[in-house]
Amino acid sequence: QARLVESGGGLVQPGGSLRLSCAASGNIVSKYVMGWYRQAPGKQRELVAQITRGGTAIYADSVKGRFTISRDNAKNTVDLQMNSLKPEDTAVYYCAADLPPLTYWGQGTQVTVST
């Protein structure tokens, strides 16, 4: 039943920043683990960052120090602030909600980092 809608993707130059936002249905952000994943051409989908109900965040090693995941329970949104972007960050980024036993996915938003 969870519905997730991502926004904020686009084209940026290396070193630039983007902020992705995931709008969720049913106040699920406050109740479940939320995450951002990405999938680049030729690669499998991989976890970028996640945030628990208690606010604990984890990050892929490749984005530590550059990306920040945050949660706004009142707005029922999960954001991913991406700084110091690199070409290897180019991918489709997906918001995900872990509602055991299922994981729900947004439609994805394209992030392209290129000169």
Protein backbone atom coordinates (compact mmCIF):
# COMPACT_ATOMS: atom_id res chain seq x y z
CA GLN A 1 0.00 0.00 0.00
CA ALA A 2 2.98 2.29 0.42
CA ARG A 3 3.38 4.83 -2.35
CA LEU A 4 6.64 6.66 -2.88
CA VAL A 5 7.35 9.50 -5.28
CA GLU A 6 10.87 10.77 -5.87
CA SER A 7 11.81 14.18 -7.18
CA GLY A 8 14.86 16.38 -7.54
CA GLY A 9 16.96 14.52 -10.05
CA GLY A 10 18.66 16.20 -12.95
CA LEU A 11 21.90 17.01 -14.68
CA VAL A 12 24.75 18.55 -12.70
CA GLN A 13 28.44 19.08 -13.24
CA PRO A 14 31.04 17.25 -11.18
CA GLY A 15 31.37 18.91 -7.80
CA GLY A 16 27.80 20.11 -7.87
CA SER A 17 24.91 19.28 -5.58
CA LEU A 18 21.40 17.92 -5.81
CA ARG A 19 18.74 17.29 -3.23
CA LEU A 20 16.42 14.36 -3.82
CA SER A 21 13.12 14.11 -2.03
CA CYS A 22 10.84 11.15 -1.48
CA ALA A 23 7.22 11.81 -0.61
CA ALA A 24 5.58 8.84 1.06
CA SER A 25 2.01 7.88 1.77
CA GLY A 26 0.39 6.97 5.03
CA ASN A 27 2.90 8.46 7.48
CA ILE A 28 5.23 5.55 6.85
CA VAL A 29 8.43 7.57 7.15
CA SER A 30 8.09 7.73 10.91
CA LYS A 31 7.32 4.04 11.24
CA TYR A 32 9.66 2.15 8.92
CA VAL A 33 13.22 2.02 7.71
CA MET A 34 13.57 4.23 4.65
CA GLY A 35 16.35 4.14 2.13
CA TRP A 36 17.79 5.49 -1.07
CA TYR A 37 19.16 3.10 -3.66
CA ARG A 38 20.72 3.68 -7.02
CA GLN A 39 21.26 1.67 -10.15
CA ALA A 40 23.78 2.63 -12.80
CA PRO A 41 23.91 1.10 -16.28
CA GLY A 42 25.47 -2.34 -16.16
CA LYS A 43 25.36 -2.51 -12.37
CA GLN A 44 22.94 -3.94 -9.88
CA ARG A 45 20.87 -1.80 -7.60
CA GLU A 46 22.76 -0.86 -4.46
CA LEU A 47 21.92 0.80 -1.18
CA VAL A 48 23.15 4.37 -0.97
CA ALA A 49 21.80 5.39 2.42
CA GLN A 50 19.15 4.40 4.89
CA ILE A 51 17.61 5.86 8.00
CA THR A 52 15.91 3.95 10.77
CA ARG A 53 12.85 4.89 12.75
CA GLY A 54 15.17 6.10 15.47
CA GLY A 55 17.04 8.37 13.09
CA THR A 56 20.20 6.32 12.71
CA ALA A 57 21.68 6.70 9.24
CA ILE A 58 24.08 4.48 7.36
CA TYR A 59 25.81 5.14 4.06
CA ALA A 60 27.61 3.30 1.36
CA ASP A 61 31.35 3.84 1.63
CA SER A 62 31.35 5.52 -1.76
CA VAL A 63 29.12 8.37 -0.57
CA LYS A 64 30.20 8.84 3.04
CA GLY A 65 31.01 12.45 3.75
CA ARG A 66 29.22 13.63 0.62
CA PHE A 67 25.60 12.48 0.98
CA THR A 68 23.21 13.02 3.86
CA ILE A 69 19.90 11.26 4.35
CA SER A 70 17.26 12.96 6.46
CA ARG A 71 13.70 12.34 7.53
CA ASP A 72 10.85 14.73 8.18
CA ASN A 73 8.09 12.85 9.96
CA ALA A 74 5.64 15.76 9.83
CA LYS A 75 6.00 16.08 6.07
CA ASN A 76 6.33 12.32 5.60
CA THR A 77 9.38 12.80 3.42
CA VAL A 78 12.88 11.42 3.18
CA ASP A 79 15.54 13.51 1.50
CA LEU A 80 18.99 12.77 0.16
CA GLN A 81 21.33 15.72 0.01
CA MET A 82 24.10 14.96 -2.46
CA ASN A 83 27.19 17.14 -2.47
CA SER A 84 30.50 16.95 -4.29
CA LEU A 85 28.91 14.84 -6.97
CA LYS A 86 31.09 12.66 -9.15
CA PRO A 87 30.43 11.14 -12.57
CA GLU A 88 30.28 7.72 -10.93
CA ASP A 89 27.24 8.91 -8.98
CA THR A 90 25.28 8.88 -12.23
CA ALA A 91 22.37 6.49 -11.78
CA VAL A 92 18.66 6.19 -11.33
CA TYR A 93 17.96 6.83 -7.68
CA TYR A 94 15.10 5.03 -5.97
CA CYS A 95 13.38 5.66 -2.69
CA ALA A 96 12.47 2.52 -0.76
CA ALA A 97 10.39 1.73 2.29
CA ASP A 98 10.86 -1.47 4.24
CA LEU A 99 7.45 -2.68 5.32
CA PRO A 100 8.06 -6.30 6.30
CA PRO A 101 7.72 -8.62 4.58
CA LEU A 102 7.81 -6.32 1.54
CA THR A 103 9.93 -3.50 0.24
CA TYR A 104 8.18 -0.75 -1.68
CA TRP A 105 9.86 1.32 -4.36
CA GLY A 106 9.35 4.67 -5.97
CA GLN A 107 9.52 5.17 -9.70
CA GLY A 108 13.08 6.45 -9.64
CA THR A 109 14.65 9.74 -10.58
CA GLN A 110 17.62 10.16 -12.90
CA VAL A 111 20.79 11.79 -11.62
CA THR A 112 23.42 12.55 -14.23
CA VAL A 113 26.79 14.01 -13.27
CA SER A 114 28.69 15.09 -16.34
CA THR A 115 30.58 17.93 -17.93
